[in-house]
Amino acid sequence: MEKIPSFTIDHNKLKRGIFVSRKDCVGGETITTFDIRMKEPNREPVLHNGAIHTIEHLAATFLRNDTEWKDRVIYWGPMGCLTGNYLLLKGDLQSKDIIDLMKRTFAFIAEYDGEIPGAAPKDCGNWLMQDLPMARWEAKRYLTEVLENLSDDNLIYP
């Protein structure tokens, strides 16, 4: 079988950041898939399940309510390797186009204090697997160490 494109990126060189993973044409529209990489693969501990689950709930809720971007949000969800998330947006976009959106998203998560949206048995298939304190810590770390200090290494795949 042929390797899919995301398995051809050298993860040993990949930094934390915002990367265009792929672009697909669907019904005449371009869908851009972003790799929102929060951890350096194979070099630091991954996001633990409760934290990434809470990040998923908070980011998906924030993005789908953002007045500027909500109509372009297709999907937000965790990577299987637990080193980040995928964001799918309608439009032919570049990493730099969503820097402000990601800063606002991760600031929202870092400062969030309240009930986690969708964290109830009727709303979620694993509603107890949430960790708001760790989600806030990871979001703050990503915001301050990565999003507020972006360079080409954090925006363009190696």
Protein backbone atom coordinates (compact mmCIF):
# COMPACT_ATOMS: atom_id res chain seq x y z
CA MET A 1 0.00 0.00 0.00
CA GLU A 2 1.06 3.56 -0.62
CA LYS A 3 1.82 5.69 2.45
CA ILE A 4 -0.67 8.45 3.10
CA PRO A 5 0.88 11.95 3.02
CA SER A 6 0.74 12.52 6.80
CA PHE A 7 3.00 9.48 7.31
CA THR A 8 5.65 10.96 5.00
CA ILE A 9 6.39 13.95 7.28
CA ASP A 10 9.61 13.46 9.26
CA HIS A 11 8.19 13.42 12.76
CA ASN A 12 11.71 13.38 14.21
CA LYS A 13 12.15 16.96 12.96
CA LEU A 14 8.56 18.18 13.46
CA LYS A 15 8.14 21.08 15.89
CA ARG A 16 5.04 22.24 17.71
CA GLY A 17 2.97 24.64 15.63
CA ILE A 18 0.27 25.09 13.00
CA PHE A 19 0.81 23.19 9.75
CA VAL A 20 -1.21 22.65 6.58
CA SER A 21 -1.57 18.88 6.50
CA ARG A 22 -3.55 18.61 3.26
CA LYS A 23 -6.05 20.28 0.98
CA ASP A 24 -8.99 18.48 -0.61
CA CYS A 25 -11.56 19.57 -3.14
CA VAL A 26 -15.07 18.58 -2.06
CA GLY A 27 -18.04 19.67 -4.15
CA GLY A 28 -16.11 22.55 -5.68
CA GLU A 29 -14.90 23.81 -2.27
CA THR A 30 -11.38 23.50 -0.91
CA ILE A 31 -11.14 21.97 2.55
CA THR A 32 -7.87 22.68 4.37
CA THR A 33 -6.77 20.25 7.07
CA PHE A 34 -4.52 21.79 9.71
CA ASP A 35 -2.17 19.91 11.99
CA ILE A 36 -2.37 21.75 15.32
CA ARG A 37 0.72 20.17 16.85
CA MET A 38 0.95 20.70 20.60
CA LYS A 39 3.75 18.24 21.39
CA GLU A 40 7.04 17.41 19.65
CA PRO A 41 6.49 13.85 18.42
CA ASN A 42 8.65 11.15 19.99
CA ARG A 43 10.51 13.74 22.09
CA GLU A 44 8.10 14.72 24.84
CA PRO A 45 5.18 13.10 26.67
CA VAL A 46 1.92 13.12 24.75
CA LEU A 47 -1.27 14.82 25.87
CA HIS A 48 -3.05 12.60 28.34
CA ASN A 49 -6.53 11.39 27.51
CA GLY A 50 -8.49 13.57 29.93
CA ALA A 51 -6.68 16.74 28.87
CA ILE A 52 -7.02 16.22 25.12
CA HIS A 53 -10.67 15.22 25.54
CA THR A 54 -11.38 18.46 27.41
CA ILE A 55 -9.41 20.44 24.83
CA GLU A 56 -11.57 18.81 22.15
CA HIS A 57 -14.82 19.80 23.87
CA LEU A 58 -13.71 23.37 24.56
CA ALA A 59 -12.04 24.05 21.20
CA ALA A 60 -14.89 22.56 19.17
CA THR A 61 -17.41 24.64 21.12
CA PHE A 62 -15.34 27.82 20.83
CA LEU A 63 -14.67 27.39 17.11
CA ARG A 64 -18.28 26.61 16.22
CA ASN A 65 -19.37 29.76 18.04
CA ASP A 66 -16.68 32.10 16.69
CA THR A 67 -18.45 34.85 14.75
CA GLU A 68 -15.77 35.10 12.07
CA TRP A 69 -15.00 31.40 11.49
CA LYS A 70 -18.02 29.32 12.62
CA ASP A 71 -19.43 28.90 9.10
CA ARG A 72 -16.08 27.51 7.87
CA VAL A 73 -15.46 24.98 10.67
CA ILE A 74 -15.83 21.40 9.48
CA TYR A 75 -14.13 19.45 12.27
CA TRP A 76 -11.86 19.69 15.31
CA GLY A 77 -10.54 16.52 16.90
CA PRO A 78 -7.53 14.80 18.47
CA MET A 79 -4.81 12.95 16.60
CA GLY A 80 -4.52 9.27 17.40
CA CYS A 81 -0.90 9.79 18.51
CA LEU A 82 -2.09 12.33 21.11
CA THR A 83 0.43 14.98 20.06
CA GLY A 84 -2.12 17.45 18.73
CA ASN A 85 -5.40 18.01 16.94
CA TYR A 86 -6.76 18.29 13.43
CA LEU A 87 -8.77 21.31 12.35
CA LEU A 88 -10.64 21.16 9.05
CA LEU A 89 -11.80 24.47 7.61
CA LYS A 90 -13.60 25.40 4.41
CA GLY A 91 -11.31 27.45 2.20
CA ASP A 92 -7.91 27.37 0.54
CA LEU A 93 -5.93 28.52 3.57
CA GLN A 94 -2.37 28.77 4.86
CA SER A 95 -1.10 28.37 8.43
CA LYS A 96 -0.67 32.13 8.86
CA ASP A 97 -4.38 32.62 8.07
CA ILE A 98 -5.47 31.01 11.33
CA ILE A 99 -2.82 32.24 13.78
CA ASP A 100 -5.18 34.72 15.44
CA LEU A 101 -7.96 32.11 15.56
CA MET A 102 -5.66 29.61 17.26
CA LYS A 103 -4.41 32.23 19.73
CA ARG A 104 -7.99 33.07 20.67
CA THR A 105 -8.96 29.38 20.88
CA PHE A 106 -6.10 28.43 23.17
CA ALA A 107 -6.50 31.58 25.30
CA PHE A 108 -10.15 30.60 25.75
CA ILE A 109 -9.16 27.09 26.88
CA ALA A 110 -6.34 28.35 29.13
CA GLU A 111 -8.70 30.73 30.92
CA TYR A 112 -11.85 28.57 30.92
CA ASP A 113 -13.46 28.06 34.31
CA GLY A 114 -16.84 26.41 34.35
CA GLU A 115 -18.77 23.36 33.30
CA ILE A 116 -17.20 21.64 30.31
CA PRO A 117 -19.65 21.84 27.39
CA GLY A 118 -21.00 18.42 26.47
CA ALA A 119 -19.56 16.68 29.54
CA ALA A 120 -22.74 14.85 30.49
CA PRO A 121 -23.82 11.24 29.95
CA LYS A 122 -26.48 12.19 27.38
CA ASP A 123 -24.00 14.35 25.41
CA CYS A 124 -20.75 12.35 25.35
CA GLY A 125 -19.73 8.70 25.07
CA ASN A 126 -17.02 9.03 27.73
CA TRP A 127 -18.12 12.08 29.68
CA LEU A 128 -16.12 11.28 32.82
CA MET A 129 -12.78 11.32 30.98
CA GLN A 130 -12.21 15.07 31.40
CA ASP A 131 -9.35 16.99 32.98
CA LEU A 132 -9.93 20.73 32.92
CA PRO A 133 -6.89 21.72 35.02
CA MET A 134 -4.52 19.80 32.75
CA ALA A 135 -6.28 21.04 29.60
CA ARG A 136 -5.84 24.60 30.83
CA TRP A 137 -2.16 23.97 31.61
CA GLU A 138 -1.48 22.42 28.18
CA ALA A 139 -3.36 25.22 26.39
CA LYS A 140 -1.44 27.93 28.26
CA ARG A 141 1.88 26.22 27.52
CA TYR A 142 1.06 25.92 23.80
CA LEU A 143 -0.15 29.52 23.65
CA THR A 144 2.84 31.08 25.41
CA GLU A 145 5.63 28.84 24.13
CA VAL A 146 4.45 28.28 20.56
CA LEU A 147 1.65 30.51 19.31
CA GLU A 148 3.13 33.70 20.72
CA ASN A 149 6.58 32.86 19.27
CA LEU A 150 5.88 31.45 15.81
CA SER A 151 8.55 31.10 13.13
CA ASP A 152 8.64 29.21 9.83
CA ASP A 153 9.66 26.07 11.77
CA ASN A 154 6.26 26.22 13.46
CA LEU A 155 4.27 26.94 10.29
CA ILE A 156 5.86 24.86 7.50
CA TYR A 157 6.38 21.10 7.62
CA PRO A 158 10.03 20.00 7.67
